[in-house]
Amino acid sequence: MRWTDTVVRSLCHMVSYVGRVTIDMNMRLITSEMETLREQQARKQREKDVELRKLKKAEHQLKTAREGLQLVEKKHKLVQEDVSR
């Protein structure tokens, strides 16, 4: 085996090692980014759920207020009819 063959093999091993290190670093970065995205998505989902509960509560309050208004309008109409007689 010649000296140049040994150097070439050593360089190939070094390049292979550097490639594995690069891949490992990229995988760690991607994993970290995925975790960050999952956390952001979970936070946004919690915020969305809170807003949805607020909306449902407001819709229920509106429905109750409208029903109350209808009762008051009916009573008002009955009182007006009684006064008109």
C-alpha atoms as a PDB file:
ATOM      1  CA  MET A   1       0.000   0.000   0.000  1.00  0.00           C
ATOM      2  CA  ARG A   2       1.343   3.343  -0.956  1.00  0.00           C
ATOM      3  CA  TRP A   3       1.487   6.415   1.225  1.00  0.00           C
ATOM      4  CA  THR A   4      -1.083   8.235  -0.934  1.00  0.00           C
ATOM      5  CA  ASP A   5      -3.559   5.369  -0.514  1.00  0.00           C
ATOM      6  CA  THR A   6      -3.259   5.718   3.251  1.00  0.00           C
ATOM      7  CA  VAL A   7      -3.791   9.478   3.056  1.00  0.00           C
ATOM      8  CA  VAL A   8      -6.811   9.044   0.785  1.00  0.00           C
ATOM      9  CA  ARG A   9      -8.344   6.473   3.160  1.00  0.00           C
ATOM     10  CA  SER A  10      -7.708   8.742   6.132  1.00  0.00           C
ATOM     11  CA  LEU A  11      -9.323  11.661   4.329  1.00  0.00           C
ATOM     12  CA  CYS A  12     -12.313   9.502   3.376  1.00  0.00           C
ATOM     13  CA  HIS A  13     -12.747   8.450   7.003  1.00  0.00           C
ATOM     14  CA  MET A  14     -12.490  12.075   8.132  1.00  0.00           C
ATOM     15  CA  VAL A  15     -15.030  13.207   5.533  1.00  0.00           C
ATOM     16  CA  SER A  16     -17.326  10.361   6.555  1.00  0.00           C
ATOM     17  CA  TYR A  17     -16.987  11.321  10.239  1.00  0.00           C
ATOM     18  CA  VAL A  18     -17.611  15.012   9.483  1.00  0.00           C
ATOM     19  CA  GLY A  19     -20.651  14.004   7.441  1.00  0.00           C
ATOM     20  CA  ARG A  20     -22.045  11.952  10.341  1.00  0.00           C
ATOM     21  CA  VAL A  21     -21.428  14.828  12.747  1.00  0.00           C
ATOM     22  CA  THR A  22     -23.171  17.224  10.370  1.00  0.00           C
ATOM     23  CA  ILE A  23     -26.118  14.874  10.009  1.00  0.00           C
ATOM     24  CA  ASP A  24     -26.306  14.470  13.791  1.00  0.00           C
ATOM     25  CA  MET A  25     -26.251  18.239  14.311  1.00  0.00           C
ATOM     26  CA  ASN A  26     -28.913  18.726  11.649  1.00  0.00           C
ATOM     27  CA  MET A  27     -31.098  16.070  13.268  1.00  0.00           C
ATOM     28  CA  ARG A  28     -30.765  17.770  16.659  1.00  0.00           C
ATOM     29  CA  LEU A  29     -31.675  21.120  15.116  1.00  0.00           C
ATOM     30  CA  ILE A  30     -34.675  19.648  13.316  1.00  0.00           C
ATOM     31  CA  THR A  31     -35.816  17.866  16.471  1.00  0.00           C
ATOM     32  CA  SER A  32     -35.528  21.093  18.434  1.00  0.00           C
ATOM     33  CA  GLU A  33     -37.476  23.009  15.784  1.00  0.00           C
ATOM     34  CA  MET A  34     -40.181  20.333  15.752  1.00  0.00           C
ATOM     35  CA  GLU A  35     -40.537  20.551  19.534  1.00  0.00           C
ATOM     36  CA  THR A  36     -40.788  24.344  19.337  1.00  0.00           C
ATOM     37  CA  LEU A  37     -43.467  24.074  16.650  1.00  0.00           C
ATOM     38  CA  ARG A  38     -45.402  21.509  18.719  1.00  0.00           C
ATOM     39  CA  GLU A  39     -45.303  23.814  21.737  1.00  0.00           C
ATOM     40  CA  GLN A  40     -46.463  26.780  19.643  1.00  0.00           C
ATOM     41  CA  GLN A  41     -49.285  24.728  18.144  1.00  0.00           C
ATOM     42  CA  ALA A  42     -50.384  23.513  21.581  1.00  0.00           C
ATOM     43  CA  ARG A  43     -50.355  27.096  22.928  1.00  0.00           C
ATOM     44  CA  LYS A  44     -52.385  28.355  19.965  1.00  0.00           C
ATOM     45  CA  GLN A  45     -54.862  25.496  20.422  1.00  0.00           C
ATOM     46  CA  ARG A  46     -55.281  26.372  24.114  1.00  0.00           C
ATOM     47  CA  GLU A  47     -55.848  30.039  23.182  1.00  0.00           C
ATOM     48  CA  LYS A  48     -58.372  28.986  20.548  1.00  0.00           C
ATOM     49  CA  ASP A  49     -60.193  26.799  23.084  1.00  0.00           C
ATOM     50  CA  VAL A  50     -60.371  29.689  25.560  1.00  0.00           C
ATOM     51  CA  GLU A  51     -61.765  32.022  22.895  1.00  0.00           C
ATOM     52  CA  LEU A  52     -64.313  29.408  21.852  1.00  0.00           C
ATOM     53  CA  ARG A  53     -65.517  29.016  25.457  1.00  0.00           C
ATOM     54  CA  LYS A  54     -65.827  32.811  25.737  1.00  0.00           C
ATOM     55  CA  LEU A  55     -67.829  32.913  22.509  1.00  0.00           C
ATOM     56  CA  LYS A  56     -70.180  30.158  23.660  1.00  0.00           C
ATOM     57  CA  LYS A  57     -70.708  31.957  26.963  1.00  0.00           C
ATOM     58  CA  ALA A  58     -71.465  35.229  25.142  1.00  0.00           C
ATOM     59  CA  GLU A  59     -73.880  33.425  22.785  1.00  0.00           C
ATOM     60  CA  HIS A  60     -75.676  31.912  25.777  1.00  0.00           C
ATOM     61  CA  GLN A  61     -75.919  35.329  27.451  1.00  0.00           C
ATOM     62  CA  LEU A  62     -77.296  36.838  24.236  1.00  0.00           C
ATOM     63  CA  LYS A  63     -79.884  34.067  23.933  1.00  0.00           C
ATOM     64  CA  THR A  64     -80.953  34.595  27.557  1.00  0.00           C
ATOM     65  CA  ALA A  65     -81.185  38.364  27.038  1.00  0.00           C
ATOM     66  CA  ARG A  66     -83.302  37.946  23.897  1.00  0.00           C
ATOM     67  CA  GLU A  67     -85.666  35.570  25.694  1.00  0.00           C
ATOM     68  CA  GLY A  68     -85.943  38.057  28.540  1.00  0.00           C
ATOM     69  CA  LEU A  69     -86.668  40.850  26.095  1.00  0.00           C
ATOM     70  CA  GLN A  70     -89.436  38.807  24.480  1.00  0.00           C
ATOM     71  CA  LEU A  71     -91.063  38.269  27.880  1.00  0.00           C
ATOM     72  CA  VAL A  72     -90.845  41.974  28.705  1.00  0.00           C
ATOM     73  CA  GLU A  73     -92.324  42.880  25.297  1.00  0.00           C
ATOM     74  CA  LYS A  74     -95.231  40.450  25.827  1.00  0.00           C
ATOM     75  CA  LYS A  75     -95.914  41.860  29.291  1.00  0.00           C
ATOM     76  CA  HIS A  76     -95.724  45.390  27.918  1.00  0.00           C
ATOM     77  CA  LYS A  77     -98.199  44.496  25.178  1.00  0.00           C
ATOM     78  CA  LEU A  78    -100.588  42.974  27.733  1.00  0.00           C
ATOM     79  CA  VAL A  79    -100.356  46.053  29.944  1.00  0.00           C
ATOM     80  CA  GLN A  80    -101.047  48.336  26.951  1.00  0.00           C
ATOM     81  CA  GLU A  81    -104.095  46.249  26.047  1.00  0.00           C
ATOM     82  CA  ASP A  82    -105.359  46.459  29.629  1.00  0.00           C
ATOM     83  CA  VAL A  83    -104.869  50.232  29.687  1.00  0.00           C
ATOM     84  CA  SER A  84    -106.657  50.604  26.330  1.00  0.00           C
ATOM     85  CA  ARG A  85    -109.842  48.929  27.627  1.00  0.00           C
END
